[in-house]
PDB file of all heavy atoms in Angstrom:
ATOM      1  N   HIS A   1       0.852  -1.184   0.000  1.00  0.00           N
ATOM      2  CA  HIS A   1       0.000   0.000   0.000  1.00  0.00           C
ATOM      3  C   HIS A   1       0.891   1.238   0.000  1.00  0.00           C
ATOM      4  O   HIS A   1       1.735   1.377   0.881  1.00  0.00           O
ATOM      5  CB  HIS A   1      -0.885   0.049   1.250  1.00  0.00           C
ATOM      6  CG  HIS A   1      -1.854  -1.079   1.359  1.00  0.00           C
ATOM      7  ND1 HIS A   1      -2.954  -1.005   2.166  1.00  0.00           N
ATOM      8  CD2 HIS A   1      -1.917  -2.300   0.772  1.00  0.00           C
ATOM      9  CE1 HIS A   1      -3.641  -2.140   2.077  1.00  0.00           C
ATOM     10  NE2 HIS A   1      -3.015  -2.944   1.243  1.00  0.00           N
ATOM     11  N   THR A   2       0.707   2.102  -0.987  1.00  0.00           N
ATOM     12  CA  THR A   2       1.430   3.374  -1.026  1.00  0.00           C
ATOM     13  C   THR A   2       0.400   4.485  -1.223  1.00  0.00           C
ATOM     14  O   THR A   2      -0.796   4.221  -1.362  1.00  0.00           O
ATOM     15  CB  THR A   2       2.450   3.425  -2.179  1.00  0.00           C
ATOM     16  OG1 THR A   2       1.742   3.528  -3.415  1.00  0.00           O
ATOM     17  CG2 THR A   2       3.365   2.208  -2.189  1.00  0.00           C
ATOM     18  N   ALA A   3       0.851   5.713  -1.273  1.00  0.00           N
ATOM     19  CA  ALA A   3      -0.054   6.839  -1.515  1.00  0.00           C
ATOM     20  C   ALA A   3      -0.617   6.794  -2.934  1.00  0.00           C
ATOM     21  O   ALA A   3      -1.680   7.336  -3.204  1.00  0.00           O
ATOM     22  CB  ALA A   3       0.675   8.159  -1.282  1.00  0.00           C
ATOM     23  N   GLN A   4       0.080   6.114  -3.858  1.00  0.00           N
ATOM     24  CA  GLN A   4      -0.331   6.081  -5.265  1.00  0.00           C
ATOM     25  C   GLN A   4      -1.182   4.862  -5.621  1.00  0.00           C
ATOM     26  O   GLN A   4      -2.009   4.921  -6.518  1.00  0.00           O
ATOM     27  CB  GLN A   4       0.891   6.092  -6.196  1.00  0.00           C
ATOM     28  CG  GLN A   4       1.719   7.361  -6.143  1.00  0.00           C
ATOM     29  CD  GLN A   4       2.630   7.408  -4.921  1.00  0.00           C
ATOM     30  OE1 GLN A   4       3.112   6.383  -4.452  1.00  0.00           O
ATOM     31  NE2 GLN A   4       2.834   8.603  -4.370  1.00  0.00           N
ATOM     32  N   PHE A   5      -0.969   3.736  -4.944  1.00  0.00           N
ATOM     33  CA  PHE A   5      -1.662   2.497  -5.342  1.00  0.00           C
ATOM     34  C   PHE A   5      -1.669   1.479  -4.212  1.00  0.00           C
ATOM     35  O   PHE A   5      -0.953   1.621  -3.221  1.00  0.00           O
ATOM     36  CB  PHE A   5      -0.986   1.876  -6.578  1.00  0.00           C
ATOM     37  CG  PHE A   5       0.451   1.480  -6.341  1.00  0.00           C
ATOM     38  CD1 PHE A   5       0.775   0.263  -5.744  1.00  0.00           C
ATOM     39  CD2 PHE A   5       1.487   2.317  -6.725  1.00  0.00           C
ATOM     40  CE1 PHE A   5       2.092  -0.097  -5.530  1.00  0.00           C
ATOM     41  CE2 PHE A   5       2.813   1.964  -6.511  1.00  0.00           C
ATOM     42  CZ  PHE A   5       3.111   0.749  -5.912  1.00  0.00           C
ATOM     43  N   LYS A   6      -2.508   0.429  -4.434  1.00  0.00           N
ATOM     44  CA  LYS A   6      -2.481  -0.779  -3.613  1.00  0.00           C
ATOM     45  C   LYS A   6      -2.239  -1.927  -4.577  1.00  0.00           C
ATOM     46  O   LYS A   6      -2.900  -2.032  -5.601  1.00  0.00           O
ATOM     47  CB  LYS A   6      -3.805  -0.991  -2.880  1.00  0.00           C
ATOM     48  CG  LYS A   6      -4.046   0.014  -1.780  1.00  0.00           C
ATOM     49  CD  LYS A   6      -5.336  -0.267  -1.045  1.00  0.00           C
ATOM     50  CE  LYS A   6      -5.538   0.788   0.042  1.00  0.00           C
ATOM     51  NZ  LYS A   6      -6.798   0.603   0.744  1.00  0.00           N
ATOM     52  N   ARG A   7      -1.266  -2.766  -4.261  1.00  0.00           N
ATOM     53  CA  ARG A   7      -0.884  -3.863  -5.147  1.00  0.00           C
ATOM     54  C   ARG A   7      -0.904  -5.166  -4.371  1.00  0.00           C
ATOM     55  O   ARG A   7      -0.369  -5.249  -3.275  1.00  0.00           O
ATOM     56  CB  ARG A   7       0.517  -3.614  -5.699  1.00  0.00           C
ATOM     57  CG  ARG A   7       1.051  -4.771  -6.537  1.00  0.00           C
ATOM     58  CD  ARG A   7       2.416  -4.460  -7.130  1.00  0.00           C
ATOM     59  NE  ARG A   7       2.242  -3.355  -8.080  1.00  0.00           N
ATOM     60  CZ  ARG A   7       3.147  -2.398  -8.275  1.00  0.00           C
ATOM     61  NH1 ARG A   7       4.261  -2.376  -7.576  1.00  0.00           N
ATOM     62  NH2 ARG A   7       2.923  -1.451  -9.151  1.00  0.00           N
ATOM     63  N   ARG A   8      -1.542  -6.187  -4.983  1.00  0.00           N
ATOM     64  CA  ARG A   8      -1.536  -7.519  -4.377  1.00  0.00           C
ATOM     65  C   ARG A   8      -0.791  -8.467  -5.308  1.00  0.00           C
ATOM     66  O   ARG A   8      -1.050  -8.501  -6.499  1.00  0.00           O
ATOM     67  CB  ARG A   8      -2.941  -8.047  -4.123  1.00  0.00           C
ATOM     68  CG  ARG A   8      -2.907  -9.415  -3.400  1.00  0.00           C
ATOM     69  CD  ARG A   8      -4.245  -9.863  -2.891  1.00  0.00           C
ATOM     70  NE  ARG A   8      -4.603  -9.176  -1.662  1.00  0.00           N
ATOM     71  CZ  ARG A   8      -5.076  -9.819  -0.582  1.00  0.00           C
ATOM     72  NH1 ARG A   8      -5.237 -11.130  -0.584  1.00  0.00           N
ATOM     73  NH2 ARG A   8      -5.406  -9.144   0.482  1.00  0.00           N
ATOM     74  N   GLU A   9       0.158  -9.203  -4.723  1.00  0.00           N
ATOM     75  CA  GLU A   9       0.937 -10.187  -5.459  1.00  0.00           C
ATOM     76  C   GLU A   9       0.504 -11.573  -4.991  1.00  0.00           C
ATOM     77  O   GLU A   9       0.466 -11.837  -3.794  1.00  0.00           O
ATOM     78  CB  GLU A   9       2.432  -9.983  -5.193  1.00  0.00           C
ATOM     79  CG  GLU A   9       2.931  -8.605  -5.585  1.00  0.00           C
ATOM     80  CD  GLU A   9       4.326  -8.280  -5.069  1.00  0.00           C
ATOM     81  OE1 GLU A   9       4.929  -9.129  -4.366  1.00  0.00           O
ATOM     82  OE2 GLU A   9       4.802  -7.173  -5.351  1.00  0.00           O
ATOM     83  N   TYR A  10       0.144 -12.417  -5.952  1.00  0.00           N
ATOM     84  CA  TYR A  10      -0.335 -13.759  -5.644  1.00  0.00           C
ATOM     85  C   TYR A  10       0.791 -14.772  -5.819  1.00  0.00           C
ATOM     86  O   TYR A  10       1.720 -14.538  -6.607  1.00  0.00           O
ATOM     87  CB  TYR A  10      -1.517 -14.111  -6.558  1.00  0.00           C
ATOM     88  CG  TYR A  10      -2.714 -13.229  -6.313  1.00  0.00           C
ATOM     89  CD1 TYR A  10      -2.850 -12.009  -6.978  1.00  0.00           C
ATOM     90  CD2 TYR A  10      -3.703 -13.590  -5.406  1.00  0.00           C
ATOM     91  CE1 TYR A  10      -3.942 -11.183  -6.748  1.00  0.00           C
ATOM     92  CE2 TYR A  10      -4.802 -12.768  -5.172  1.00  0.00           C
ATOM     93  CZ  TYR A  10      -4.908 -11.569  -5.848  1.00  0.00           C
ATOM     94  OH  TYR A  10      -5.984 -10.752  -5.605  1.00  0.00           O
ATOM     95  N   PRO A  11       0.727 -15.904  -5.127  1.00  0.00           N
ATOM     96  CA  PRO A  11       1.798 -16.912  -5.227  1.00  0.00           C
ATOM     97  C   PRO A  11       2.041 -17.411  -6.651  1.00  0.00           C
ATOM     98  O   PRO A  11       3.160 -17.796  -6.988  1.00  0.00           O
ATOM     99  CB  PRO A  11       1.311 -18.055  -4.327  1.00  0.00           C
ATOM    100  CG  PRO A  11       0.368 -17.408  -3.374  1.00  0.00           C
ATOM    101  CD  PRO A  11      -0.273 -16.283  -4.134  1.00  0.00           C
ATOM    102  N   ASP A  12       1.022 -17.378  -7.515  1.00  0.00           N
ATOM    103  CA  ASP A  12       1.202 -17.858  -8.889  1.00  0.00           C
ATOM    104  C   ASP A  12       1.880 -16.825  -9.785  1.00  0.00           C
ATOM    105  O   ASP A  12       2.086 -17.063 -10.976  1.00  0.00           O
ATOM    106  CB  ASP A  12      -0.133 -18.280  -9.501  1.00  0.00           C
ATOM    107  CG  ASP A  12      -1.077 -17.108  -9.769  1.00  0.00           C
ATOM    108  OD1 ASP A  12      -0.713 -15.944  -9.481  1.00  0.00           O
ATOM    109  OD2 ASP A  12      -2.189 -17.362 -10.280  1.00  0.00           O
ATOM    110  N   GLY A  13       2.225 -15.655  -9.244  1.00  0.00           N
ATOM    111  CA  GLY A  13       2.897 -14.620 -10.011  1.00  0.00           C
ATOM    112  C   GLY A  13       1.977 -13.517 -10.517  1.00  0.00           C
ATOM    113  O   GLY A  13       2.443 -12.505 -11.038  1.00  0.00           O
ATOM    114  N   THR A  14       0.658 -13.689 -10.383  1.00  0.00           N
ATOM    115  CA  THR A  14      -0.293 -12.651 -10.788  1.00  0.00           C
ATOM    116  C   THR A  14      -0.124 -11.431  -9.884  1.00  0.00           C
ATOM    117  O   THR A  14       0.067 -11.572  -8.675  1.00  0.00           O
ATOM    118  CB  THR A  14      -1.745 -13.171 -10.691  1.00  0.00           C
ATOM    119  OG1 THR A  14      -1.874 -14.327 -11.535  1.00  0.00           O
ATOM    120  CG2 THR A  14      -2.753 -12.120 -11.097  1.00  0.00           C
ATOM    121  N   VAL A  15      -0.186 -10.238 -10.501  1.00  0.00           N
ATOM    122  CA  VAL A  15      -0.065  -8.988  -9.746  1.00  0.00           C
ATOM    123  C   VAL A  15      -1.246  -8.101 -10.113  1.00  0.00           C
ATOM    124  O   VAL A  15      -1.460  -7.791 -11.293  1.00  0.00           O
ATOM    125  CB  VAL A  15       1.258  -8.259 -10.055  1.00  0.00           C
ATOM    126  CG1 VAL A  15       1.327  -6.926  -9.308  1.00  0.00           C
ATOM    127  CG2 VAL A  15       2.450  -9.134  -9.694  1.00  0.00           C
ATOM    128  N   LYS A  16      -2.017  -7.692  -9.098  1.00  0.00           N
ATOM    129  CA  LYS A  16      -3.163  -6.810  -9.339  1.00  0.00           C
ATOM    130  C   LYS A  16      -2.896  -5.492  -8.620  1.00  0.00           C
ATOM    131  O   LYS A  16      -2.616  -5.478  -7.423  1.00  0.00           O
ATOM    132  CB  LYS A  16      -4.450  -7.439  -8.825  1.00  0.00           C
ATOM    133  CG  LYS A  16      -5.679  -6.588  -9.105  1.00  0.00           C
ATOM    134  CD  LYS A  16      -6.961  -7.299  -8.714  1.00  0.00           C
ATOM    135  CE  LYS A  16      -8.161  -6.458  -9.102  1.00  0.00           C
ATOM    136  NZ  LYS A  16      -9.413  -7.164  -8.836  1.00  0.00           N
ATOM    137  N   THR A  17      -3.004  -4.390  -9.382  1.00  0.00           N
ATOM    138  CA  THR A  17      -2.752  -3.058  -8.823  1.00  0.00           C
ATOM    139  C   THR A  17      -4.002  -2.208  -8.986  1.00  0.00           C
ATOM    140  O   THR A  17      -4.599  -2.179 -10.057  1.00  0.00           O
ATOM    141  CB  THR A  17      -1.565  -2.385  -9.554  1.00  0.00           C
ATOM    142  OG1 THR A  17      -0.438  -3.263  -9.499  1.00  0.00           O
ATOM    143  CG2 THR A  17      -1.212  -1.058  -8.906  1.00  0.00           C
ATOM    144  N   VAL A  18      -4.405  -1.546  -7.899  1.00  0.00           N
ATOM    145  CA  VAL A  18      -5.512  -0.591  -7.947  1.00  0.00           C
ATOM    146  C   VAL A  18      -4.922   0.777  -7.634  1.00  0.00           C
ATOM    147  O   VAL A  18      -4.332   0.982  -6.572  1.00  0.00           O
ATOM    148  CB  VAL A  18      -6.627  -0.947  -6.921  1.00  0.00           C
ATOM    149  CG1 VAL A  18      -7.747   0.076  -6.969  1.00  0.00           C
ATOM    150  CG2 VAL A  18      -7.162  -2.353  -7.176  1.00  0.00           C
ATOM    151  N   TYR A  19      -5.062   1.698  -8.599  1.00  0.00           N
ATOM    152  CA  TYR A  19      -4.507   3.048  -8.439  1.00  0.00           C
ATOM    153  C   TYR A  19      -5.508   3.945  -7.727  1.00  0.00           C
ATOM    154  O   TYR A  19      -6.709   3.655  -7.672  1.00  0.00           O
ATOM    155  CB  TYR A  19      -4.121   3.614  -9.815  1.00  0.00           C
ATOM    156  CG  TYR A  19      -3.010   2.815 -10.450  1.00  0.00           C
ATOM    157  CD1 TYR A  19      -3.294   1.774 -11.336  1.00  0.00           C
ATOM    158  CD2 TYR A  19      -1.683   3.076 -10.146  1.00  0.00           C
ATOM    159  CE1 TYR A  19      -2.275   1.013 -11.898  1.00  0.00           C
ATOM    160  CE2 TYR A  19      -0.659   2.328 -10.714  1.00  0.00           C
ATOM    161  CZ  TYR A  19      -0.967   1.295 -11.582  1.00  0.00           C
ATOM    162  OH  TYR A  19       0.039   0.539 -12.137  1.00  0.00           O
ATOM    163  N   MET A  20      -5.037   5.043  -7.192  1.00  0.00           N
ATOM    164  CA  MET A  20      -5.888   5.953  -6.424  1.00  0.00           C
ATOM    165  C   MET A  20      -7.039   6.516  -7.254  1.00  0.00           C
ATOM    166  O   MET A  20      -8.084   6.851  -6.711  1.00  0.00           O
ATOM    167  CB  MET A  20      -5.058   7.091  -5.815  1.00  0.00           C
ATOM    168  CG  MET A  20      -4.224   6.638  -4.626  1.00  0.00           C
ATOM    169  SD  MET A  20      -5.259   5.913  -3.345  1.00  0.00           S
ATOM    170  CE  MET A  20      -4.510   4.348  -3.039  1.00  0.00           C
ATOM    171  N   ASN A  21      -6.878   6.597  -8.572  1.00  0.00           N
ATOM    172  CA  ASN A  21      -7.963   7.106  -9.426  1.00  0.00           C
ATOM    173  C   ASN A  21      -9.001   6.024  -9.720  1.00  0.00           C
ATOM    174  O   ASN A  21      -9.958   6.266 -10.447  1.00  0.00           O
ATOM    175  CB  ASN A  21      -7.406   7.683 -10.738  1.00  0.00           C
ATOM    176  CG  ASN A  21      -6.730   6.617 -11.602  1.00  0.00           C
ATOM    177  OD1 ASN A  21      -6.759   5.427 -11.296  1.00  0.00           O
ATOM    178  ND2 ASN A  21      -6.114   7.073 -12.686  1.00  0.00           N
ATOM    179  N   GLY A  22      -8.806   4.815  -9.151  1.00  0.00           N
ATOM    180  CA  GLY A  22      -9.770   3.742  -9.323  1.00  0.00           C
ATOM    181  C   GLY A  22      -9.414   2.767 -10.432  1.00  0.00           C
ATOM    182  O   GLY A  22     -10.012   1.697 -10.536  1.00  0.00           O
ATOM    183  N   GLN A  23      -8.470   3.122 -11.284  1.00  0.00           N
ATOM    184  CA  GLN A  23      -8.065   2.234 -12.383  1.00  0.00           C
ATOM    185  C   GLN A  23      -7.408   0.985 -11.811  1.00  0.00           C
ATOM    186  O   GLN A  23      -6.674   1.047 -10.836  1.00  0.00           O
ATOM    187  CB  GLN A  23      -7.094   2.956 -13.313  1.00  0.00           C
ATOM    188  CG  GLN A  23      -6.683   2.128 -14.514  1.00  0.00           C
ATOM    189  CD  GLN A  23      -5.851   2.943 -15.498  1.00  0.00           C
ATOM    190  OE1 GLN A  23      -6.234   4.048 -15.866  1.00  0.00           O
ATOM    191  NE2 GLN A  23      -4.721   2.380 -15.898  1.00  0.00           N
ATOM    192  N   GLN A  24      -7.717  -0.177 -12.460  1.00  0.00           N
ATOM    193  CA  GLN A  24      -7.166  -1.460 -12.024  1.00  0.00           C
ATOM    194  C   GLN A  24      -6.337  -2.069 -13.134  1.00  0.00           C
ATOM    195  O   GLN A  24      -6.723  -2.033 -14.293  1.00  0.00           O
ATOM    196  CB  GLN A  24      -8.282  -2.438 -11.671  1.00  0.00           C
ATOM    197  CG  GLN A  24      -9.180  -1.988 -10.552  1.00  0.00           C
ATOM    198  CD  GLN A  24     -10.316  -2.977 -10.331  1.00  0.00           C
ATOM    199  OE1 GLN A  24     -10.189  -4.159 -10.619  1.00  0.00           O
ATOM    200  NE2 GLN A  24     -11.421  -2.484  -9.818  1.00  0.00           N
ATOM    201  N   GLU A  25      -5.195  -2.654 -12.737  1.00  0.00           N
ATOM    202  CA  GLU A  25      -4.329  -3.311 -13.712  1.00  0.00           C
ATOM    203  C   GLU A  25      -3.965  -4.679 -13.153  1.00  0.00           C
ATOM    204  O   GLU A  25      -3.525  -4.792 -12.011  1.00  0.00           O
ATOM    205  CB  GLU A  25      -3.067  -2.473 -13.912  1.00  0.00           C
ATOM    206  CG  GLU A  25      -2.031  -3.107 -14.813  1.00  0.00           C
ATOM    207  CD  GLU A  25      -0.766  -2.271 -14.863  1.00  0.00           C
ATOM    208  OE1 GLU A  25      -0.719  -1.322 -15.667  1.00  0.00           O
ATOM    209  OE2 GLU A  25       0.149  -2.562 -14.067  1.00  0.00           O
ATOM    210  N   THR A  26      -4.214  -5.730 -13.990  1.00  0.00           N
ATOM    211  CA  THR A  26      -3.851  -7.079 -13.579  1.00  0.00           C
ATOM    212  C   THR A  26      -2.842  -7.622 -14.571  1.00  0.00           C
ATOM    213  O   THR A  26      -3.089  -7.627 -15.777  1.00  0.00           O
ATOM    214  CB  THR A  26      -5.096  -7.997 -13.534  1.00  0.00           C
ATOM    215  OG1 THR A  26      -6.093  -7.382 -12.712  1.00  0.00           O
ATOM    216  CG2 THR A  26      -4.753  -9.361 -12.960  1.00  0.00           C
ATOM    217  N   LYS A  27      -1.670  -8.052 -14.034  1.00  0.00           N
ATOM    218  CA  LYS A  27      -0.633  -8.673 -14.863  1.00  0.00           C
ATOM    219  C   LYS A  27      -0.575 -10.145 -14.487  1.00  0.00           C
ATOM    220  O   LYS A  27      -0.360 -10.479 -13.322  1.00  0.00           O
ATOM    221  CB  LYS A  27       0.734  -8.018 -14.614  1.00  0.00           C
ATOM    222  CG  LYS A  27       0.822  -6.584 -15.066  1.00  0.00           C
ATOM    223  CD  LYS A  27       2.212  -6.022 -14.822  1.00  0.00           C
ATOM    224  CE  LYS A  27       2.283  -4.572 -15.279  1.00  0.00           C
ATOM    225  NZ  LYS A  27       3.608  -3.997 -15.041  1.00  0.00           N
ATOM    226  N   TYR A  28      -0.806 -10.996 -15.497  1.00  0.00           N
ATOM    227  CA  TYR A  28      -0.791 -12.429 -15.270  1.00  0.00           C
ATOM    228  C   TYR A  28       0.585 -12.985 -15.595  1.00  0.00           C
ATOM    229  O   TYR A  28       1.343 -12.396 -16.372  1.00  0.00           O
ATOM    230  CB  TYR A  28      -1.865 -13.106 -16.128  1.00  0.00           C
ATOM    231  CG  TYR A  28      -3.258 -12.637 -15.792  1.00  0.00           C
ATOM    232  CD1 TYR A  28      -3.834 -11.559 -16.466  1.00  0.00           C
ATOM    233  CD2 TYR A  28      -3.995 -13.252 -14.784  1.00  0.00           C
ATOM    234  CE1 TYR A  28      -5.111 -11.111 -16.153  1.00  0.00           C
ATOM    235  CE2 TYR A  28      -5.282 -12.814 -14.463  1.00  0.00           C
ATOM    236  CZ  TYR A  28      -5.830 -11.741 -15.146  1.00  0.00           C
ATOM    237  OH  TYR A  28      -7.088 -11.299 -14.827  1.00  0.00           O
ATOM    238  N   VAL A  29       0.907 -14.142 -15.020  1.00  0.00           N
ATOM    239  CA  VAL A  29       2.214 -14.753 -15.229  1.00  0.00           C
ATOM    240  C   VAL A  29       2.428 -15.127 -16.703  1.00  0.00           C
ATOM    241  O   VAL A  29       3.555 -15.177 -17.176  1.00  0.00           O
ATOM    242  CB  VAL A  29       2.392 -15.972 -14.281  1.00  0.00           C
ATOM    243  CG1 VAL A  29       1.642 -17.192 -14.768  1.00  0.00           C
ATOM    244  CG2 VAL A  29       3.856 -16.274 -14.061  1.00  0.00           C
ATOM    245  N   SER A  30       1.346 -15.306 -17.451  1.00  0.00           N
ATOM    246  CA  SER A  30       1.431 -15.640 -18.881  1.00  0.00           C
ATOM    247  C   SER A  30       1.903 -14.451 -19.725  1.00  0.00           C
ATOM    248  O   SER A  30       2.232 -14.605 -20.891  1.00  0.00           O
ATOM    249  CB  SER A  30       0.057 -16.083 -19.390  1.00  0.00           C
ATOM    250  OG  SER A  30      -0.856 -14.982 -19.308  1.00  0.00           O
ATOM    251  N   GLY A  31       1.886 -13.245 -19.115  1.00  0.00           N
ATOM    252  CA  GLY A  31       2.236 -12.035 -19.847  1.00  0.00           C
ATOM    253  C   GLY A  31       1.017 -11.189 -20.187  1.00  0.00           C
ATOM    254  O   GLY A  31       1.144 -10.043 -20.611  1.00  0.00           O
ATOM    255  N   ARG A  32      -0.157 -11.750 -20.017  1.00  0.00           N
ATOM    256  CA  ARG A  32      -1.403 -11.021 -20.287  1.00  0.00           C
ATOM    257  C   ARG A  32      -1.534  -9.841 -19.320  1.00  0.00           C
ATOM    258  O   ARG A  32      -1.216  -9.950 -18.138  1.00  0.00           O
ATOM    259  CB  ARG A  32      -2.590 -11.964 -20.119  1.00  0.00           C
ATOM    260  CG  ARG A  32      -3.939 -11.303 -20.244  1.00  0.00           C
ATOM    261  CD  ARG A  32      -5.050 -12.311 -19.994  1.00  0.00           C
ATOM    262  NE  ARG A  32      -6.350 -11.661 -19.983  1.00  0.00           N
ATOM    263  CZ  ARG A  32      -7.445 -12.219 -19.507  1.00  0.00           C
ATOM    264  NH1 ARG A  32      -7.400 -13.456 -19.011  1.00  0.00           N
ATOM    265  NH2 ARG A  32      -8.582 -11.566 -19.522  1.00  0.00           N
ATOM    266  N   ILE A  33      -2.012  -8.711 -19.829  1.00  0.00           N
ATOM    267  CA  ILE A  33      -2.264  -7.530 -19.003  1.00  0.00           C
ATOM    268  C   ILE A  33      -3.702  -7.078 -19.263  1.00  0.00           C
ATOM    269  O   ILE A  33      -4.103  -6.933 -20.419  1.00  0.00           O
ATOM    270  CB  ILE A  33      -1.291  -6.381 -19.335  1.00  0.00           C
ATOM    271  CG1 ILE A  33       0.148  -6.819 -19.062  1.00  0.00           C
ATOM    272  CG2 ILE A  33      -1.637  -5.130 -18.534  1.00  0.00           C
ATOM    273  CD1 ILE A  33       1.200  -5.834 -19.521  1.00  0.00           C
ATOM    274  N   ARG A  34      -4.453  -6.873 -18.192  1.00  0.00           N
ATOM    275  CA  ARG A  34      -5.823  -6.376 -18.325  1.00  0.00           C
ATOM    276  C   ARG A  34      -5.946  -5.108 -17.492  1.00  0.00           C
ATOM    277  O   ARG A  34      -5.558  -5.079 -16.329  1.00  0.00           O
ATOM    278  CB  ARG A  34      -6.828  -7.417 -17.848  1.00  0.00           C
ATOM    279  CG  ARG A  34      -8.289  -6.970 -18.079  1.00  0.00           C
ATOM    280  CD  ARG A  34      -9.295  -8.014 -17.670  1.00  0.00           C
ATOM    281  NE  ARG A  34      -9.193  -8.208 -16.231  1.00  0.00           N
ATOM    282  CZ  ARG A  34      -9.589  -9.298 -15.580  1.00  0.00           C
ATOM    283  NH1 ARG A  34     -10.096 -10.314 -16.231  1.00  0.00           N
ATOM    284  NH2 ARG A  34      -9.461  -9.394 -14.278  1.00  0.00           N
ATOM    285  N   VAL A  35      -6.520  -4.055 -18.098  1.00  0.00           N
ATOM    286  CA  VAL A  35      -6.693  -2.778 -17.412  1.00  0.00           C
ATOM    287  C   VAL A  35      -8.178  -2.436 -17.422  1.00  0.00           C
ATOM    288  O   VAL A  35      -8.841  -2.535 -18.455  1.00  0.00           O
ATOM    289  CB  VAL A  35      -5.872  -1.658 -18.101  1.00  0.00           C
ATOM    290  CG1 VAL A  35      -6.072  -0.332 -17.385  1.00  0.00           C
ATOM    291  CG2 VAL A  35      -4.388  -2.031 -18.138  1.00  0.00           C
ATOM    292  N   LYS A  36      -8.682  -2.040 -16.241  1.00  0.00           N
ATOM    293  CA  LYS A  36     -10.081  -1.614 -16.115  1.00  0.00           C
ATOM    294  C   LYS A  36     -10.106  -0.178 -15.608  1.00  0.00           C
ATOM    295  O   LYS A  36      -9.249   0.216 -14.810  1.00  0.00           O
ATOM    296  CB  LYS A  36     -10.840  -2.498 -15.118  1.00  0.00           C
ATOM    297  CG  LYS A  36     -10.998  -3.940 -15.543  1.00  0.00           C
ATOM    298  CD  LYS A  36     -11.773  -4.711 -14.474  1.00  0.00           C
ATOM    299  CE  LYS A  36     -11.952  -6.175 -14.850  1.00  0.00           C
ATOM    300  NZ  LYS A  36     -12.689  -6.893 -13.793  1.00  0.00           N
ATOM    301  N   ASP A  37     -11.143   0.578 -16.032  1.00  0.00           N
ATOM    302  CA  ASP A  37     -11.301   1.934 -15.505  1.00  0.00           C
ATOM    303  C   ASP A  37     -11.949   1.866 -14.126  1.00  0.00           C
ATOM    304  O   ASP A  37     -12.277   0.788 -13.634  1.00  0.00           O
ATOM    305  CB  ASP A  37     -12.078   2.825 -16.482  1.00  0.00           C
ATOM    306  CG  ASP A  37     -13.533   2.409 -16.662  1.00  0.00           C
ATOM    307  OD1 ASP A  37     -14.059   1.628 -15.820  1.00  0.00           O
ATOM    308  OD2 ASP A  37     -14.161   2.871 -17.638  1.00  0.00           O
ATOM    309  N   LYS A  38     -12.164   3.016 -13.510  1.00  0.00           N
ATOM    310  CA  LYS A  38     -12.683   3.075 -12.141  1.00  0.00           C
ATOM    311  C   LYS A  38     -14.055   2.433 -12.004  1.00  0.00           C
ATOM    312  O   LYS A  38     -14.455   2.012 -10.931  1.00  0.00           O
ATOM    313  CB  LYS A  38     -12.711   4.510 -11.627  1.00  0.00           C
ATOM    314  CG  LYS A  38     -13.622   5.457 -12.378  1.00  0.00           C
ATOM    315  CD  LYS A  38     -13.590   6.834 -11.746  1.00  0.00           C
ATOM    316  CE  LYS A  38     -14.383   7.864 -12.488  1.00  0.00           C
ATOM    317  NZ  LYS A  38     -15.752   7.545 -12.745  1.00  0.00           N
ATOM    318  N   ASP A  39     -14.797   2.329 -13.108  1.00  0.00           N
ATOM    319  CA  ASP A  39     -16.131   1.727 -13.066  1.00  0.00           C
ATOM    320  C   ASP A  39     -16.108   0.242 -13.377  1.00  0.00           C
ATOM    321  O   ASP A  39     -17.175  -0.397 -13.424  1.00  0.00           O
ATOM    322  CB  ASP A  39     -17.050   2.453 -14.054  1.00  0.00           C
ATOM    323  CG  ASP A  39     -17.194   3.932 -13.711  1.00  0.00           C
ATOM    324  OD1 ASP A  39     -17.317   4.242 -12.513  1.00  0.00           O
ATOM    325  OD2 ASP A  39     -17.151   4.763 -14.641  1.00  0.00           O
ATOM    326  N   GLY A  40     -14.930  -0.336 -13.618  1.00  0.00           N
ATOM    327  CA  GLY A  40     -14.821  -1.758 -13.897  1.00  0.00           C
ATOM    328  C   GLY A  40     -14.903  -2.112 -15.368  1.00  0.00           C
ATOM    329  O   GLY A  40     -14.909  -3.304 -15.724  1.00  0.00           O
ATOM    330  N   ASN A  41     -14.953  -1.118 -16.257  1.00  0.00           N
ATOM    331  CA  ASN A  41     -14.974  -1.375 -17.696  1.00  0.00           C
ATOM    332  C   ASN A  41     -13.577  -1.690 -18.190  1.00  0.00           C
ATOM    333  O   ASN A  41     -12.623  -0.978 -17.867  1.00  0.00           O
ATOM    334  CB  ASN A  41     -15.521  -0.150 -18.460  1.00  0.00           C
ATOM    335  CG  ASN A  41     -16.930   0.213 -17.986  1.00  0.00           C
ATOM    336  OD1 ASN A  41     -17.785  -0.645 -17.892  1.00  0.00           O
ATOM    337  ND2 ASN A  41     -17.126   1.484 -17.669  1.00  0.00           N
ATOM    338  N   ILE A  42     -13.449  -2.757 -18.990  1.00  0.00           N
ATOM    339  CA  ILE A  42     -12.147  -3.130 -19.525  1.00  0.00           C
ATOM    340  C   ILE A  42     -11.740  -2.112 -20.582  1.00  0.00           C
ATOM    341  O   ILE A  42     -12.481  -1.879 -21.533  1.00  0.00           O
ATOM    342  CB  ILE A  42     -12.177  -4.548 -20.139  1.00  0.00           C
ATOM    343  CG1 ILE A  42     -12.471  -5.574 -19.027  1.00  0.00           C
ATOM    344  CG2 ILE A  42     -10.857  -4.884 -20.827  1.00  0.00           C
ATOM    345  CD1 ILE A  42     -12.670  -6.998 -19.513  1.00  0.00           C
TER     346      ILE A  42
END
């Protein structure tokens, strides 16, 4: 947890970051990246 974001790292290597503006970014171990806006829209 920082002033800019909250990031959760999972044992399988997945990393999910939620930024203060509500945007979400998920990086999967496969290399896939998914970004959602503050309302949950991809």
